[in-house]
């Protein structure tokens, strides 16, 4: 059986941030800029408070079977929620999107390479 790679995106919105929360997030904003976004096993957070109070976590996980994507998605949502809760950041509207890369269509370059 082959290993499947999953990319999970967890999105949400900061909810009524206090001045201290906003200051802390703005101080770390350079580390969480969307231009540095990456899918990582521990999850990578991006946000731009100047534009809107939304945030995105990007997780990379794997599994053996197609059904493992459900467990990976639950782990990602739990990890994102835990990260926010540990730091005391209020949030709402947490939702996720998962993709099994073994099911993703090949791009033109990859199709050409396989020929």
N, C-alpha and C. Protein backbone atom coordinates (compact mmCIF):
# COMPACT_ATOMS: atom_id res chain seq x y z
N UNK A 1 0.84 -1.18 0.00
CA UNK A 1 0.00 0.00 0.00
C UNK A 1 0.89 1.25 0.00
N UNK A 2 0.54 2.24 -0.77
CA UNK A 2 1.35 3.46 -0.85
C UNK A 2 0.84 4.51 0.12
N UNK A 3 1.73 5.42 0.46
CA UNK A 3 1.37 6.51 1.36
C UNK A 3 0.75 7.65 0.55
N UNK A 4 -0.34 8.16 1.07
CA UNK A 4 -1.02 9.29 0.44
C UNK A 4 -0.65 10.55 1.20
N UNK A 5 -0.49 11.65 0.48
CA UNK A 5 -0.18 12.93 1.09
C UNK A 5 -1.42 13.80 1.06
N UNK A 6 -1.73 14.41 2.21
CA UNK A 6 -2.91 15.27 2.33
C UNK A 6 -2.48 16.69 2.65
N UNK A 7 -3.13 17.64 2.00
CA UNK A 7 -2.96 19.06 2.34
C UNK A 7 -4.29 19.52 2.93
N UNK A 8 -4.22 20.07 4.14
CA UNK A 8 -5.43 20.52 4.83
C UNK A 8 -5.30 22.01 5.12
N UNK A 9 -6.31 22.76 4.72
CA UNK A 9 -6.37 24.19 4.98
C UNK A 9 -7.49 24.43 5.98
N UNK A 10 -7.15 25.07 7.10
CA UNK A 10 -8.13 25.41 8.13
C UNK A 10 -8.22 26.93 8.17
N UNK A 11 -9.42 27.45 7.93
CA UNK A 11 -9.64 28.90 7.90
C UNK A 11 -10.58 29.30 9.03
N UNK A 12 -10.44 30.54 9.43
CA UNK A 12 -11.31 31.10 10.44
C UNK A 12 -11.15 32.60 10.50
N UNK A 13 -11.79 33.19 11.51
CA UNK A 13 -11.77 34.64 11.68
C UNK A 13 -11.48 34.93 13.15
N UNK A 14 -10.54 35.86 13.39
CA UNK A 14 -10.33 36.33 14.75
C UNK A 14 -11.59 37.08 15.18
N UNK A 15 -12.03 36.89 16.41
CA UNK A 15 -13.29 37.45 16.87
C UNK A 15 -13.08 38.40 18.04
N UNK A 16 -13.28 39.69 17.81
CA UNK A 16 -13.17 40.70 18.87
C UNK A 16 -11.83 40.63 19.60
N UNK A 17 -10.75 40.79 18.85
CA UNK A 17 -9.42 40.78 19.46
C UNK A 17 -9.25 41.98 20.39
N UNK A 18 -8.62 41.74 21.52
CA UNK A 18 -8.29 42.83 22.43
C UNK A 18 -7.10 43.61 21.86
N UNK A 19 -6.82 44.76 22.42
CA UNK A 19 -5.68 45.56 21.97
C UNK A 19 -4.37 44.78 22.16
N UNK A 20 -4.26 44.03 23.27
CA UNK A 20 -3.06 43.23 23.52
C UNK A 20 -2.90 42.12 22.49
N UNK A 21 -4.00 41.44 22.17
CA UNK A 21 -3.95 40.39 21.16
C UNK A 21 -3.54 40.95 19.81
N UNK A 22 -4.15 42.06 19.44
CA UNK A 22 -3.84 42.69 18.15
C UNK A 22 -2.36 43.10 18.09
N UNK A 23 -1.87 43.68 19.19
CA UNK A 23 -0.46 44.09 19.24
C UNK A 23 0.47 42.89 19.09
N UNK A 24 0.15 41.79 19.77
CA UNK A 24 0.98 40.58 19.69
C UNK A 24 0.97 40.01 18.27
N UNK A 25 -0.21 39.95 17.66
CA UNK A 25 -0.30 39.42 16.30
C UNK A 25 0.43 40.32 15.30
N UNK A 26 0.30 41.62 15.45
CA UNK A 26 0.99 42.54 14.54
C UNK A 26 2.50 42.45 14.71
N UNK A 27 2.97 42.21 15.93
CA UNK A 27 4.41 42.07 16.17
C UNK A 27 4.99 40.84 15.46
N UNK A 28 4.18 39.80 15.32
CA UNK A 28 4.62 38.56 14.67
C UNK A 28 4.16 38.45 13.22
N UNK A 29 3.57 39.51 12.69
CA UNK A 29 2.97 39.45 11.35
C UNK A 29 3.96 39.06 10.27
N UNK A 30 5.20 39.48 10.36
CA UNK A 30 6.19 39.15 9.32
C UNK A 30 6.41 37.65 9.22
N UNK A 31 6.33 36.94 10.35
CA UNK A 31 6.50 35.48 10.35
C UNK A 31 5.28 34.75 9.79
N UNK A 32 4.16 35.46 9.69
CA UNK A 32 2.91 34.84 9.27
C UNK A 32 2.37 35.46 7.97
N UNK A 33 3.25 36.04 7.20
CA UNK A 33 2.88 36.66 5.94
C UNK A 33 2.51 35.59 4.91
N UNK A 34 1.51 35.86 4.12
CA UNK A 34 1.03 34.90 3.12
C UNK A 34 2.10 34.58 2.07
N UNK A 35 3.05 35.47 1.87
CA UNK A 35 4.12 35.22 0.91
C UNK A 35 5.06 34.10 1.36
N UNK A 36 5.00 33.75 2.64
CA UNK A 36 5.83 32.67 3.17
C UNK A 36 4.99 31.43 3.50
N UNK A 37 3.79 31.37 2.96
CA UNK A 37 2.88 30.27 3.26
C UNK A 37 3.45 28.94 2.79
N UNK A 38 3.26 27.93 3.63
CA UNK A 38 3.73 26.58 3.30
C UNK A 38 2.87 25.56 4.02
N UNK A 39 2.72 24.40 3.42
CA UNK A 39 2.03 23.29 4.08
C UNK A 39 3.09 22.53 4.88
N UNK A 40 2.91 22.46 6.20
CA UNK A 40 3.87 21.80 7.08
C UNK A 40 3.14 20.84 8.02
N UNK A 41 3.84 19.83 8.53
CA UNK A 41 3.19 18.89 9.46
C UNK A 41 2.66 19.57 10.73
N UNK A 42 3.39 20.57 11.22
CA UNK A 42 2.94 21.25 12.45
C UNK A 42 1.94 22.36 12.18
N UNK A 43 1.76 22.71 10.92
CA UNK A 43 0.81 23.74 10.54
C UNK A 43 1.48 25.10 10.44
N UNK A 44 1.17 25.82 9.40
CA UNK A 44 1.72 27.15 9.20
C UNK A 44 0.57 28.15 9.16
N UNK A 45 0.67 29.17 10.00
CA UNK A 45 -0.38 30.19 10.13
C UNK A 45 -0.04 31.40 9.28
N UNK A 46 -1.04 31.91 8.55
CA UNK A 46 -0.91 33.17 7.83
C UNK A 46 -2.11 34.05 8.15
N UNK A 47 -1.87 35.36 8.16
CA UNK A 47 -2.93 36.35 8.36
C UNK A 47 -2.42 37.71 7.94
N UNK A 48 -3.34 38.64 7.72
CA UNK A 48 -3.02 40.02 7.40
C UNK A 48 -4.08 40.88 8.07
N UNK A 49 -3.83 41.23 9.33
CA UNK A 49 -4.83 41.98 10.10
C UNK A 49 -5.15 43.35 9.51
N UNK A 50 -4.21 43.92 8.76
CA UNK A 50 -4.48 45.23 8.14
C UNK A 50 -5.57 45.11 7.08
N UNK A 51 -5.65 43.96 6.43
CA UNK A 51 -6.64 43.75 5.39
C UNK A 51 -7.97 43.23 5.93
N UNK A 52 -7.89 42.22 6.82
CA UNK A 52 -9.10 41.63 7.40
C UNK A 52 -8.71 40.72 8.56
N UNK A 53 -9.66 40.39 9.42
CA UNK A 53 -9.33 39.58 10.61
C UNK A 53 -9.29 38.07 10.36
N UNK A 54 -9.16 37.65 9.12
CA UNK A 54 -9.17 36.22 8.79
C UNK A 54 -7.77 35.62 8.95
N UNK A 55 -7.73 34.30 9.16
CA UNK A 55 -6.47 33.58 9.25
C UNK A 55 -6.60 32.25 8.54
N UNK A 56 -5.45 31.68 8.19
CA UNK A 56 -5.41 30.37 7.53
C UNK A 56 -4.25 29.57 8.10
N UNK A 57 -4.54 28.33 8.48
CA UNK A 57 -3.50 27.37 8.85
C UNK A 57 -3.37 26.39 7.69
N UNK A 58 -2.14 26.02 7.37
CA UNK A 58 -1.89 25.03 6.32
C UNK A 58 -1.14 23.85 6.93
N UNK A 59 -1.72 22.66 6.81
CA UNK A 59 -1.15 21.44 7.38
C UNK A 59 -0.84 20.44 6.28
N UNK A 60 0.21 19.65 6.51
CA UNK A 60 0.58 18.55 5.64
C UNK A 60 0.51 17.28 6.47
N UNK A 61 -0.20 16.27 5.98
CA UNK A 61 -0.35 15.02 6.72
C UNK A 61 -0.32 13.88 5.71
N UNK A 62 -0.36 12.67 6.20
CA UNK A 62 -0.34 11.52 5.29
C UNK A 62 -1.13 10.38 5.89
N UNK A 63 -1.42 9.40 5.05
CA UNK A 63 -2.15 8.22 5.48
C UNK A 63 -2.01 7.13 4.44
N UNK A 64 -2.49 5.96 4.79
CA UNK A 64 -2.39 4.81 3.89
C UNK A 64 -3.64 4.65 3.03
N UNK A 65 -4.79 4.96 3.60
CA UNK A 65 -6.06 4.74 2.90
C UNK A 65 -6.76 6.06 2.62
N UNK A 66 -7.69 6.01 1.70
CA UNK A 66 -8.44 7.20 1.32
C UNK A 66 -9.19 7.79 2.53
N UNK A 67 -9.68 6.92 3.42
CA UNK A 67 -10.45 7.37 4.58
C UNK A 67 -9.59 8.13 5.60
N UNK A 68 -8.27 7.96 5.54
CA UNK A 68 -7.38 8.62 6.49
C UNK A 68 -7.42 10.14 6.38
N UNK A 69 -7.94 10.65 5.27
CA UNK A 69 -8.04 12.10 5.11
C UNK A 69 -8.99 12.69 6.15
N UNK A 70 -10.00 11.92 6.57
CA UNK A 70 -10.93 12.40 7.59
C UNK A 70 -10.23 12.57 8.93
N UNK A 71 -9.39 11.61 9.30
CA UNK A 71 -8.63 11.72 10.54
C UNK A 71 -7.62 12.86 10.46
N UNK A 72 -6.98 13.01 9.31
CA UNK A 72 -6.01 14.09 9.13
C UNK A 72 -6.68 15.45 9.26
N UNK A 73 -7.87 15.58 8.70
CA UNK A 73 -8.61 16.83 8.79
C UNK A 73 -9.00 17.13 10.23
N UNK A 74 -9.44 16.14 10.96
CA UNK A 74 -9.81 16.33 12.37
C UNK A 74 -8.58 16.73 13.18
N UNK A 75 -7.43 16.11 12.92
CA UNK A 75 -6.18 16.48 13.62
C UNK A 75 -5.81 17.92 13.32
N UNK A 76 -5.94 18.34 12.07
CA UNK A 76 -5.59 19.70 11.69
C UNK A 76 -6.49 20.72 12.37
N UNK A 77 -7.79 20.47 12.35
CA UNK A 77 -8.73 21.38 13.02
C UNK A 77 -8.45 21.47 14.51
N UNK A 78 -8.16 20.33 15.12
CA UNK A 78 -7.85 20.30 16.55
C UNK A 78 -6.56 21.07 16.85
N UNK A 79 -5.55 20.89 16.01
CA UNK A 79 -4.28 21.59 16.22
C UNK A 79 -4.44 23.10 16.06
N UNK A 80 -5.20 23.53 15.06
CA UNK A 80 -5.44 24.96 14.86
C UNK A 80 -6.19 25.55 16.04
N UNK A 81 -7.23 24.87 16.47
CA UNK A 81 -8.02 25.32 17.62
C UNK A 81 -7.16 25.39 18.88
N UNK A 82 -6.33 24.38 19.09
CA UNK A 82 -5.46 24.35 20.28
C UNK A 82 -4.47 25.50 20.25
N UNK A 83 -3.88 25.78 19.09
CA UNK A 83 -2.90 26.87 18.97
C UNK A 83 -3.55 28.20 19.35
N UNK A 84 -4.73 28.45 18.80
CA UNK A 84 -5.44 29.70 19.08
C UNK A 84 -5.86 29.79 20.55
N UNK A 85 -6.38 28.71 21.09
CA UNK A 85 -6.86 28.69 22.47
C UNK A 85 -5.71 28.86 23.46
N UNK A 86 -4.58 28.19 23.21
CA UNK A 86 -3.41 28.32 24.10
C UNK A 86 -2.93 29.75 24.22
N UNK A 87 -3.08 30.52 23.16
CA UNK A 87 -2.62 31.90 23.16
C UNK A 87 -3.74 32.88 23.54
N UNK A 88 -4.93 32.36 23.74
CA UNK A 88 -6.05 33.19 24.16
C UNK A 88 -6.68 34.01 23.05
N UNK A 89 -6.44 33.65 21.80
CA UNK A 89 -7.02 34.39 20.68
C UNK A 89 -8.45 33.93 20.44
N UNK A 90 -9.42 34.83 20.57
CA UNK A 90 -10.80 34.43 20.27
C UNK A 90 -10.98 34.29 18.76
N UNK A 91 -11.76 33.30 18.35
CA UNK A 91 -11.97 33.04 16.93
C UNK A 91 -13.37 32.49 16.71
N UNK A 92 -13.77 32.48 15.44
CA UNK A 92 -15.06 31.90 15.07
C UNK A 92 -14.97 31.40 13.63
N UNK A 93 -15.99 30.71 13.21
CA UNK A 93 -16.16 30.24 11.83
C UNK A 93 -15.00 29.38 11.34
N UNK A 94 -14.55 28.44 12.19
CA UNK A 94 -13.48 27.53 11.79
C UNK A 94 -14.04 26.53 10.77
N UNK A 95 -13.37 26.41 9.63
CA UNK A 95 -13.78 25.46 8.59
C UNK A 95 -12.53 24.94 7.90
N UNK A 96 -12.65 23.80 7.27
CA UNK A 96 -11.46 23.21 6.66
C UNK A 96 -11.76 22.68 5.26
N UNK A 97 -10.67 22.54 4.51
CA UNK A 97 -10.72 21.96 3.17
C UNK A 97 -9.51 21.02 3.07
N UNK A 98 -9.74 19.81 2.61
CA UNK A 98 -8.68 18.81 2.51
C UNK A 98 -8.53 18.35 1.08
N UNK A 99 -7.29 18.03 0.73
CA UNK A 99 -7.00 17.56 -0.62
C UNK A 99 -6.04 16.37 -0.54
N UNK A 100 -6.41 15.31 -1.19
CA UNK A 100 -5.55 14.13 -1.31
C UNK A 100 -4.73 14.32 -2.59
N UNK A 101 -3.43 14.53 -2.44
CA UNK A 101 -2.60 14.84 -3.60
C UNK A 101 -2.52 13.68 -4.59
N UNK A 102 -2.78 12.47 -4.13
CA UNK A 102 -2.77 11.35 -5.07
C UNK A 102 -3.96 11.41 -6.03
N UNK A 103 -4.97 12.20 -5.68
CA UNK A 103 -6.15 12.36 -6.51
C UNK A 103 -6.13 13.65 -7.34
N UNK A 104 -5.12 14.49 -7.11
CA UNK A 104 -5.05 15.78 -7.80
C UNK A 104 -4.68 15.57 -9.27
N UNK A 105 -5.29 16.35 -10.16
CA UNK A 105 -4.94 16.22 -11.57
C UNK A 105 -3.51 16.71 -11.82
N UNK A 106 -2.86 16.11 -12.78
CA UNK A 106 -1.49 16.50 -13.12
C UNK A 106 -1.51 17.76 -13.97
N UNK A 107 -0.53 18.62 -13.75
CA UNK A 107 -0.38 19.81 -14.55
C UNK A 107 0.28 19.48 -15.89
N UNK A 108 0.33 20.44 -16.80
CA UNK A 108 0.89 20.21 -18.12
C UNK A 108 2.34 19.73 -18.04
N UNK A 109 3.15 20.38 -17.20
CA UNK A 109 4.55 20.02 -17.11
C UNK A 109 4.73 18.58 -16.64
N UNK A 110 3.98 18.17 -15.63
CA UNK A 110 4.09 16.82 -15.09
C UNK A 110 3.62 15.78 -16.12
N UNK A 111 2.56 16.09 -16.85
CA UNK A 111 2.08 15.17 -17.90
C UNK A 111 3.14 14.99 -18.97
N UNK A 112 3.81 16.09 -19.34
CA UNK A 112 4.88 16.04 -20.34
C UNK A 112 6.04 15.18 -19.84
N UNK A 113 6.38 15.30 -18.55
CA UNK A 113 7.47 14.52 -17.97
C UNK A 113 7.16 13.03 -17.98
N UNK A 114 5.91 12.66 -17.81
CA UNK A 114 5.53 11.26 -17.76
C UNK A 114 5.49 10.61 -19.13
N UNK A 115 5.44 11.39 -20.18
CA UNK A 115 5.40 10.84 -21.55
C UNK A 115 6.70 10.31 -21.98
